[in-house]
Amino acid sequence: MIVYDRLWKTMEKKGISQYSLIHDYNINESQLDRFRKNSVIKTVTIDRLCKILDCNVEDICQYVKDEPTE
């Protein structure tokens, strides 16, 4: 599973708020909600955030193994 916990830390580190992403960079609020819920995100959106935040992909997301189901 891909998780986006690192996004929020990177935003804080870079001093960019969710409000700023929505109003200054035209990131859709529903996209941010998808990040919160670790839902499907288009790579073009991740690319835009990397440009906005001047960071690498691994500063936004990471792969975490799913727990085995029985």
C-alpha atoms as a PDB file:
ATOM      1  CA  MET A   1       0.000   0.000   0.000  1.00  0.00           C
ATOM      2  CA  ILE A   2       1.217   3.483  -0.797  1.00  0.00           C
ATOM      3  CA  VAL A   3       0.822   5.918   2.099  1.00  0.00           C
ATOM      4  CA  TYR A   4       1.166   9.685   1.992  1.00  0.00           C
ATOM      5  CA  ASP A   5       2.080  10.476   5.609  1.00  0.00           C
ATOM      6  CA  ARG A   6       5.328  12.070   4.475  1.00  0.00           C
ATOM      7  CA  LEU A   7       3.443  14.681   2.440  1.00  0.00           C
ATOM      8  CA  TRP A   8       2.186  16.492   5.520  1.00  0.00           C
ATOM      9  CA  LYS A   9       5.647  16.549   7.125  1.00  0.00           C
ATOM     10  CA  THR A  10       7.213  17.859   3.921  1.00  0.00           C
ATOM     11  CA  MET A  11       4.554  20.571   3.613  1.00  0.00           C
ATOM     12  CA  GLU A  12       5.239  21.677   7.186  1.00  0.00           C
ATOM     13  CA  LYS A  13       8.997  21.634   6.595  1.00  0.00           C
ATOM     14  CA  LYS A  14       8.605  23.741   3.425  1.00  0.00           C
ATOM     15  CA  GLY A  15       6.095  26.115   5.046  1.00  0.00           C
ATOM     16  CA  ILE A  16       3.278  25.381   2.588  1.00  0.00           C
ATOM     17  CA  SER A  17      -0.221  24.912   3.981  1.00  0.00           C
ATOM     18  CA  GLN A  18      -3.199  23.072   2.571  1.00  0.00           C
ATOM     19  CA  TYR A  19      -4.870  26.461   2.124  1.00  0.00           C
ATOM     20  CA  SER A  20      -1.928  27.610   0.023  1.00  0.00           C
ATOM     21  CA  LEU A  21      -2.016  24.451  -2.121  1.00  0.00           C
ATOM     22  CA  ILE A  22      -5.719  25.000  -2.806  1.00  0.00           C
ATOM     23  CA  HIS A  23      -5.738  28.768  -3.339  1.00  0.00           C
ATOM     24  CA  ASP A  24      -2.242  29.548  -4.633  1.00  0.00           C
ATOM     25  CA  TYR A  25      -1.407  26.381  -6.574  1.00  0.00           C
ATOM     26  CA  ASN A  26      -4.910  25.219  -7.610  1.00  0.00           C
ATOM     27  CA  ILE A  27      -4.645  21.765  -6.051  1.00  0.00           C
ATOM     28  CA  ASN A  28      -8.169  20.415  -5.747  1.00  0.00           C
ATOM     29  CA  GLU A  29      -9.442  19.957  -2.196  1.00  0.00           C
ATOM     30  CA  SER A  30     -10.708  16.476  -3.092  1.00  0.00           C
ATOM     31  CA  GLN A  31      -7.155  15.545  -4.123  1.00  0.00           C
ATOM     32  CA  LEU A  32      -5.900  16.479  -0.665  1.00  0.00           C
ATOM     33  CA  ASP A  33      -8.679  14.357   0.813  1.00  0.00           C
ATOM     34  CA  ARG A  34      -7.439  11.415  -1.268  1.00  0.00           C
ATOM     35  CA  PHE A  35      -3.959  11.929   0.170  1.00  0.00           C
ATOM     36  CA  ARG A  36      -5.433  11.926   3.688  1.00  0.00           C
ATOM     37  CA  LYS A  37      -7.240   8.646   2.992  1.00  0.00           C
ATOM     38  CA  ASN A  38      -4.286   7.061   1.145  1.00  0.00           C
ATOM     39  CA  SER A  39      -6.526   6.636  -1.889  1.00  0.00           C
ATOM     40  CA  VAL A  40      -5.605   6.457  -5.559  1.00  0.00           C
ATOM     41  CA  ILE A  41      -3.576   9.473  -6.693  1.00  0.00           C
ATOM     42  CA  LYS A  42      -2.564  10.203 -10.266  1.00  0.00           C
ATOM     43  CA  THR A  43       1.175  10.461 -10.867  1.00  0.00           C
ATOM     44  CA  VAL A  44       0.633  13.837 -12.517  1.00  0.00           C
ATOM     45  CA  THR A  45      -0.623  15.135  -9.144  1.00  0.00           C
ATOM     46  CA  ILE A  46       2.419  13.740  -7.341  1.00  0.00           C
ATOM     47  CA  ASP A  47       4.607  15.339 -10.008  1.00  0.00           C
ATOM     48  CA  ARG A  48       2.950  18.731  -9.443  1.00  0.00           C
ATOM     49  CA  LEU A  49       3.417  18.470  -5.684  1.00  0.00           C
ATOM     50  CA  CYS A  50       7.096  17.579  -6.121  1.00  0.00           C
ATOM     51  CA  LYS A  51       7.521  20.733  -8.210  1.00  0.00           C
ATOM     52  CA  ILE A  52       5.563  22.903  -5.770  1.00  0.00           C
ATOM     53  CA  LEU A  53       7.363  21.549  -2.702  1.00  0.00           C
ATOM     54  CA  ASP A  54      10.730  21.230  -4.476  1.00  0.00           C
ATOM     55  CA  CYS A  55      11.111  17.677  -3.199  1.00  0.00           C
ATOM     56  CA  ASN A  56      11.451  14.066  -4.300  1.00  0.00           C
ATOM     57  CA  VAL A  57       8.686  11.470  -4.557  1.00  0.00           C
ATOM     58  CA  GLU A  58       9.922   9.733  -1.410  1.00  0.00           C
ATOM     59  CA  ASP A  59       9.311  12.997   0.493  1.00  0.00           C
ATOM     60  CA  ILE A  60       5.594  12.605  -0.314  1.00  0.00           C
ATOM     61  CA  CYS A  61       4.850   8.890  -0.220  1.00  0.00           C
ATOM     62  CA  GLN A  62       6.205   5.502   0.721  1.00  0.00           C
ATOM     63  CA  TYR A  63       5.354   1.859   0.208  1.00  0.00           C
ATOM     64  CA  VAL A  64       4.202  -0.064   3.290  1.00  0.00           C
ATOM     65  CA  LYS A  65       3.531  -3.790   3.095  1.00  0.00           C
ATOM     66  CA  ASP A  66      -0.072  -4.789   3.686  1.00  0.00           C
ATOM     67  CA  GLU A  67      -0.748  -6.980   6.675  1.00  0.00           C
ATOM     68  CA  PRO A  68      -1.300 -10.589   5.628  1.00  0.00           C
ATOM     69  CA  THR A  69      -4.937 -11.633   5.626  1.00  0.00           C
ATOM     70  CA  GLU A  70      -6.063 -14.993   6.854  1.00  0.00           C
END
